[in-house]
Amino acid sequence: MHPQRHSFIALAALCLISLGASCDRAKQAQGTASDPGSAEATGPVAPAGERVEVLTGVDTSELTDAEVEVWQDLINERLSPCGDPLSVGRCVADKHKCGACVTAAHYLTRLVLEGYDKPTIERYYTTRFDDKAKHDFSMDGAQVRGAPMAPVTIVEFSDFQCPFCGAAYPELERIVSEFEGRVKLVFKHYPLPSHSRAVPASRAAEAAGRQGKFWEMHDILFQNQRKLEDADLARYADMLGLDVERFNADMKAEEVQQRIASDRKQGEAAGVEGTPSIYVNGRKFDEPLKALPAYLKEELEL
């Protein structure tokens, strides 16, 4: 491919992933301000009580008058994540000892400021704070980039042939570096049936991992998404200084195929609809990728 054309495709994919697009997702970039009413309100509602209109320590100065009204509805209607049957607003106003309601209030403020409609904000809020929305993923033998003991875990279900995954990969790498020691990335294979070279690429990454070079192969595969034939994979193994004979044998190993199948099964159980699908501490991250750093800062507050 001509270098300029490759750069254009990568840039286009990055622009789309920033809007929440992915491979094989039925509905893309739902619930933005340009797509009003795209989501129905979900999640438990706080019991009625004295309405809170201002919160000390929560800055709403950038919101318009109309946005402030939406924000006030949200903090009075959404249930606090602190466990007591209180609204977010009442929890913050009463200075609840758990403090998570302050983060919840900041989260609601950010979503209003970013222009999401109220039903979408309610859906995002439920996904982030409702215990029923949390998933437990197996970390046995998982491939981890970043500090293993980091308090925040990003789980990514990905496909090496998906252009949106290719656009997301350098952004996720940058984020792990930016949050060094505080955030780690766990890669989960989710090869899509529509991508004929996705499974062989996943097997190549796992085979390289058996020689301690998973992430090096991971990066090469995403940097060369249009060159994933068997000969290409063997060439990448040689470039990384791997034992190519062992690499080729591991590519066909039953354990490697089981690892990929196990990852995909976990994704299906969690309701993965397309790639990349990102989960932060077990909760689906549906906002545009550009919002992930802000989301992680909020998560670290928790």
Protein backbone atom coordinates (compact mmCIF):
# COMPACT_ATOMS: atom_id res chain seq x y z
CA MET A 1 0.00 0.00 0.00
CA HIS A 2 1.19 3.52 -0.73
CA PRO A 3 2.47 5.12 2.54
CA GLN A 4 0.20 8.16 2.20
CA ARG A 5 -2.86 5.96 1.71
CA HIS A 6 -1.89 3.85 4.76
CA SER A 7 -1.54 7.02 6.85
CA PHE A 8 -4.93 8.28 5.68
CA ILE A 9 -6.62 4.99 6.61
CA ALA A 10 -4.96 4.99 10.04
CA LEU A 11 -6.04 8.60 10.63
CA ALA A 12 -9.60 7.87 9.53
CA ALA A 13 -9.78 4.87 11.85
CA LEU A 14 -8.44 6.95 14.74
CA CYS A 15 -11.09 9.61 14.14
CA LEU A 16 -13.82 6.96 14.15
CA ILE A 17 -12.53 5.18 17.25
CA SER A 18 -12.55 8.54 19.03
CA LEU A 19 -16.31 8.56 18.36
CA GLY A 20 -16.83 5.06 19.73
CA ALA A 21 -16.85 3.13 16.43
CA SER A 22 -15.69 -0.47 16.27
CA CYS A 23 -15.56 -3.53 14.02
CA ASP A 24 -18.83 -5.50 13.84
CA ARG A 25 -20.74 -3.35 16.31
CA ALA A 26 -24.39 -3.10 15.31
CA LYS A 27 -24.84 0.41 16.67
CA GLN A 28 -21.90 2.79 16.66
CA ALA A 29 -21.26 6.03 18.51
CA GLN A 30 -24.61 5.98 20.29
CA GLY A 31 -25.89 8.63 22.59
CA THR A 32 -23.93 11.74 21.72
CA ALA A 33 -25.43 15.19 21.66
CA SER A 34 -25.89 14.83 17.91
CA ASP A 35 -27.93 11.68 18.47
CA PRO A 36 -30.56 12.69 21.04
CA GLY A 37 -32.82 10.11 22.61
CA SER A 38 -30.66 7.20 21.45
CA ALA A 39 -30.70 5.48 24.83
CA GLU A 40 -33.43 4.73 27.32
CA ALA A 41 -32.97 5.65 30.97
CA THR A 42 -31.70 2.72 33.02
CA GLY A 43 -30.66 1.87 36.54
CA PRO A 44 -32.03 2.39 40.05
CA VAL A 45 -33.44 5.79 40.98
CA ALA A 46 -32.76 7.48 44.33
CA PRO A 47 -35.69 7.86 46.75
CA ALA A 48 -37.40 11.25 46.73
CA GLY A 49 -36.03 13.77 49.20
CA GLU A 50 -35.09 17.38 49.66
CA ARG A 51 -33.77 18.61 46.30
CA VAL A 52 -30.09 19.56 46.16
CA GLU A 53 -29.18 22.34 43.74
CA VAL A 54 -25.56 23.22 44.61
CA LEU A 55 -22.68 21.00 45.72
CA THR A 56 -19.61 22.36 47.50
CA GLY A 57 -16.47 21.26 45.66
CA VAL A 58 -18.28 20.41 42.41
CA ASP A 59 -17.71 23.10 39.78
CA THR A 60 -20.65 23.67 37.44
CA SER A 61 -19.61 27.14 36.28
CA GLU A 62 -19.03 25.99 32.69
CA LEU A 63 -22.55 24.59 32.34
CA THR A 64 -25.30 26.58 30.66
CA ASP A 65 -28.52 27.27 32.56
CA ALA A 66 -30.24 24.43 30.67
CA GLU A 67 -27.36 22.06 31.45
CA VAL A 68 -27.47 23.00 35.13
CA GLU A 69 -31.14 21.93 35.22
CA VAL A 70 -30.22 18.56 33.68
CA TRP A 71 -27.31 18.22 36.13
CA GLN A 72 -29.57 18.97 39.08
CA ASP A 73 -32.06 16.34 37.93
CA LEU A 74 -29.26 13.79 37.63
CA ILE A 75 -27.67 14.36 41.04
CA ASN A 76 -31.10 14.15 42.67
CA GLU A 77 -32.31 11.11 40.74
CA ARG A 78 -29.21 8.93 40.50
CA LEU A 79 -28.53 6.59 43.40
CA SER A 80 -25.25 7.20 45.25
CA PRO A 81 -22.60 4.46 44.82
CA CYS A 82 -21.91 4.58 48.57
CA GLY A 83 -24.42 1.86 49.42
CA ASP A 84 -26.99 3.91 51.33
CA PRO A 85 -30.34 4.73 49.68
CA LEU A 86 -29.35 8.33 49.00
CA SER A 87 -29.14 10.42 45.86
CA VAL A 88 -25.70 11.48 44.66
CA GLY A 89 -26.51 15.07 45.60
CA ARG A 90 -27.72 14.24 49.11
CA CYS A 91 -24.72 11.95 49.66
CA VAL A 92 -22.27 14.73 48.76
CA ALA A 93 -24.17 17.41 50.68
CA ASP A 94 -24.21 15.21 53.80
CA LYS A 95 -20.46 14.53 53.40
CA HIS A 96 -20.85 10.77 53.36
CA LYS A 97 -17.76 9.06 54.71
CA CYS A 98 -17.18 6.81 51.66
CA GLY A 99 -16.49 9.72 49.32
CA ALA A 100 -17.42 7.82 46.13
CA CYS A 101 -20.44 10.05 45.66
CA VAL A 102 -18.11 13.02 45.11
CA THR A 103 -16.50 11.16 42.20
CA ALA A 104 -19.98 10.25 40.94
CA ALA A 105 -20.96 13.93 41.01
CA HIS A 106 -17.81 14.89 39.09
CA TYR A 107 -18.58 12.15 36.55
CA LEU A 108 -22.12 13.40 35.98
CA THR A 109 -20.83 16.96 35.62
CA ARG A 110 -18.30 15.91 32.98
CA LEU A 111 -20.87 13.99 30.95
CA VAL A 112 -23.29 16.93 30.97
CA LEU A 113 -20.49 19.27 29.94
CA GLU A 114 -19.52 16.95 27.08
CA GLY A 115 -23.02 17.23 25.65
CA TYR A 116 -24.57 13.80 26.23
CA ASP A 117 -28.33 13.59 26.49
CA LYS A 118 -29.87 12.64 29.84
CA PRO A 119 -30.86 9.03 29.00
CA THR A 120 -27.34 8.30 27.75
CA ILE A 121 -25.80 9.79 30.89
CA GLU A 122 -28.11 7.63 32.99
CA ARG A 123 -27.02 4.55 31.03
CA TYR A 124 -23.32 5.40 31.40
CA TYR A 125 -23.80 6.08 35.10
CA THR A 126 -25.53 2.72 35.66
CA THR A 127 -22.78 0.86 33.80
CA ARG A 128 -20.15 2.54 35.95
CA PHE A 129 -21.71 2.31 39.40
CA ASP A 130 -24.34 -0.45 39.48
CA ASP A 131 -22.85 -3.67 40.95
CA LYS A 132 -24.90 -5.73 38.49
CA ALA A 133 -22.99 -4.15 35.59
CA LYS A 134 -19.57 -5.34 36.77
CA HIS A 135 -17.80 -8.27 35.10
CA ASP A 136 -15.10 -10.51 36.53
CA PHE A 137 -12.53 -11.56 33.93
CA SER A 138 -10.05 -14.38 34.41
CA MET A 139 -6.47 -13.14 34.66
CA ASP A 140 -4.89 -16.61 34.57
CA GLY A 141 -2.10 -16.46 32.01
CA ALA A 142 -3.27 -13.02 30.85
CA GLN A 143 -0.94 -10.78 28.87
CA VAL A 144 -0.36 -7.61 30.90
CA ARG A 145 1.24 -4.33 29.82
CA GLY A 146 2.14 -2.05 32.71
CA ALA A 147 2.61 -2.60 36.44
CA PRO A 148 0.96 -5.92 37.45
CA MET A 149 -0.12 -4.45 40.81
CA ALA A 150 -1.62 -1.24 39.35
CA PRO A 151 -4.96 -0.38 41.03
CA VAL A 152 -6.79 0.18 37.73
CA THR A 153 -7.09 -2.57 35.13
CA ILE A 154 -8.06 -1.98 31.51
CA VAL A 155 -9.25 -5.14 29.75
CA GLU A 156 -9.33 -4.84 25.97
CA PHE A 157 -11.06 -7.36 23.70
CA SER A 158 -9.33 -6.92 20.38
CA ASP A 159 -8.84 -8.25 16.85
CA PHE A 160 -5.48 -7.83 15.11
CA GLN A 161 -7.15 -7.30 11.73
CA CYS A 162 -9.67 -4.71 12.93
CA PRO A 163 -8.64 -1.18 11.81
CA PHE A 164 -10.30 0.41 14.84
CA CYS A 165 -8.22 -1.81 17.11
CA GLY A 166 -5.17 -0.76 15.14
CA ALA A 167 -6.03 2.89 15.75
CA ALA A 168 -6.68 2.27 19.45
CA TYR A 169 -3.46 0.36 20.14
CA PRO A 170 -1.03 3.35 20.23
CA GLU A 171 -3.53 5.37 22.27
CA LEU A 172 -3.81 2.61 24.88
CA GLU A 173 -0.04 2.22 24.93
CA ARG A 174 0.31 5.96 25.52
CA ILE A 175 -2.27 5.89 28.30
CA VAL A 176 -0.48 3.05 30.13
CA SER A 177 2.73 5.08 29.90
CA GLU A 178 1.00 8.28 31.05
CA PHE A 179 -0.50 6.50 34.08
CA GLU A 180 2.66 4.53 34.81
CA GLY A 181 2.31 2.36 37.90
CA ARG A 182 -1.38 3.18 38.28
CA VAL A 183 -2.97 1.55 35.22
CA LYS A 184 -2.31 -1.77 33.50
CA LEU A 185 -3.64 -3.12 30.19
CA VAL A 186 -4.80 -6.72 29.79
CA PHE A 187 -5.18 -8.00 26.23
CA LYS A 188 -7.98 -10.43 25.39
CA HIS A 189 -8.29 -12.04 21.96
CA TYR A 190 -11.59 -11.53 20.17
CA PRO A 191 -10.96 -12.45 16.52
CA LEU A 192 -14.01 -11.73 14.40
CA PRO A 193 -15.32 -14.25 11.84
CA SER A 194 -15.27 -11.53 9.17
CA HIS A 195 -11.48 -11.22 9.47
CA SER A 196 -9.82 -14.27 7.90
CA ARG A 197 -6.34 -13.51 9.29
CA ALA A 198 -7.39 -12.53 12.82
CA VAL A 199 -7.11 -16.03 14.31
CA PRO A 200 -3.67 -16.77 12.81
CA ALA A 201 -2.48 -13.36 14.06
CA SER A 202 -3.76 -14.13 17.55
CA ARG A 203 -1.99 -17.48 17.47
CA ALA A 204 1.20 -15.73 16.39
CA ALA A 205 0.98 -13.31 19.32
CA GLU A 206 0.43 -16.16 21.80
CA ALA A 207 3.22 -18.21 20.24
CA ALA A 208 5.56 -15.23 20.58
CA GLY A 209 4.38 -14.86 24.16
CA ARG A 210 5.65 -18.35 24.90
CA GLN A 211 9.10 -16.96 24.17
CA GLY A 212 8.52 -13.77 26.18
CA LYS A 213 7.71 -11.54 23.20
CA PHE A 214 3.91 -11.19 23.22
CA TRP A 215 3.79 -7.38 23.32
CA GLU A 216 6.57 -7.03 20.75
CA MET A 217 4.59 -9.24 18.36
CA HIS A 218 1.36 -7.45 19.33
CA ASP A 219 2.85 -4.13 18.24
CA ILE A 220 4.25 -5.48 14.95
CA LEU A 221 0.91 -7.07 14.04
CA PHE A 222 -0.99 -3.83 14.57
CA GLN A 223 1.64 -1.88 12.64
CA ASN A 224 1.28 -4.30 9.69
CA GLN A 225 -2.42 -5.14 9.61
CA ARG A 226 -2.46 -5.66 5.86
CA LYS A 227 0.43 -8.12 6.02
CA LEU A 228 -0.74 -11.01 8.18
CA GLU A 229 -0.19 -14.03 5.93
CA ASP A 230 1.67 -17.06 7.31
CA ALA A 231 4.92 -15.99 5.66
CA ASP A 232 4.57 -12.53 7.21
CA LEU A 233 4.02 -13.99 10.68
CA ALA A 234 7.09 -16.20 10.38
CA ARG A 235 9.10 -13.18 9.20
CA TYR A 236 8.02 -11.16 12.23
CA ALA A 237 9.07 -14.03 14.50
CA ASP A 238 12.49 -13.99 12.88
CA MET A 239 12.70 -10.19 13.25
CA LEU A 240 12.07 -10.59 16.99
CA GLY A 241 14.83 -13.15 17.30
CA LEU A 242 12.46 -15.99 18.16
CA ASP A 243 13.13 -19.68 17.62
CA VAL A 244 11.06 -19.85 14.43
CA GLU A 245 10.73 -23.64 14.47
CA ARG A 246 9.36 -23.52 18.00
CA PHE A 247 7.19 -20.53 17.04
CA ASN A 248 5.61 -22.45 14.16
CA ALA A 249 4.92 -25.42 16.42
CA ASP A 250 3.38 -23.21 19.11
CA MET A 251 1.18 -21.55 16.49
CA LYS A 252 -0.54 -24.95 16.10
CA ALA A 253 -0.52 -25.89 19.78
CA GLU A 254 -3.85 -26.84 21.34
CA GLU A 255 -3.07 -24.72 24.42
CA VAL A 256 -2.68 -21.62 22.25
CA GLN A 257 -5.99 -22.24 20.50
CA GLN A 258 -7.68 -22.83 23.86
CA ARG A 259 -6.31 -19.53 25.19
CA ILE A 260 -7.85 -17.62 22.26
CA ALA A 261 -11.14 -19.50 22.56
CA SER A 262 -11.25 -18.83 26.31
CA ASP A 263 -10.76 -15.09 25.77
CA ARG A 264 -13.54 -14.98 23.19
CA LYS A 265 -15.87 -16.93 25.49
CA GLN A 266 -15.25 -14.40 28.27
CA GLY A 267 -16.04 -11.58 25.84
CA GLU A 268 -19.27 -13.22 24.71
CA ALA A 269 -20.32 -13.70 28.34
CA ALA A 270 -19.71 -9.99 28.96
CA GLY A 271 -21.78 -9.01 25.91
CA VAL A 272 -18.97 -7.85 23.64
CA GLU A 273 -20.52 -6.62 20.38
CA GLY A 274 -17.43 -5.49 18.49
CA THR A 275 -13.77 -4.64 18.74
CA PRO A 276 -12.13 -2.95 20.44
CA SER A 277 -14.27 -3.38 23.56
CA ILE A 278 -12.77 -1.83 26.68
CA TYR A 279 -13.56 -2.54 30.32
CA VAL A 280 -12.14 -0.55 33.24
CA ASN A 281 -12.04 -2.44 36.51
CA GLY A 282 -14.67 -4.79 35.12
CA ARG A 283 -17.05 -2.12 33.81
CA LYS A 284 -17.75 -1.43 30.15
CA PHE A 285 -16.25 1.80 28.88
CA ASP A 286 -18.60 3.07 26.16
CA GLU A 287 -17.46 6.67 25.92
CA PRO A 288 -15.19 7.81 23.06
CA LEU A 289 -11.58 6.73 23.52
CA LYS A 290 -10.47 10.34 23.96
CA ALA A 291 -12.43 10.41 27.25
CA LEU A 292 -10.53 7.44 28.71
CA PRO A 293 -7.83 9.51 30.51
CA ALA A 294 -10.51 11.54 32.33
CA TYR A 295 -12.38 8.34 33.16
CA LEU A 296 -9.19 6.78 34.57
CA LYS A 297 -8.50 9.82 36.76
CA GLU A 298 -12.01 9.48 38.17
CA GLU A 299 -11.44 5.77 38.70
CA LEU A 300 -8.25 6.47 40.62
CA GLU A 301 -10.22 8.84 42.89
CA LEU A 302 -12.46 5.90 43.78
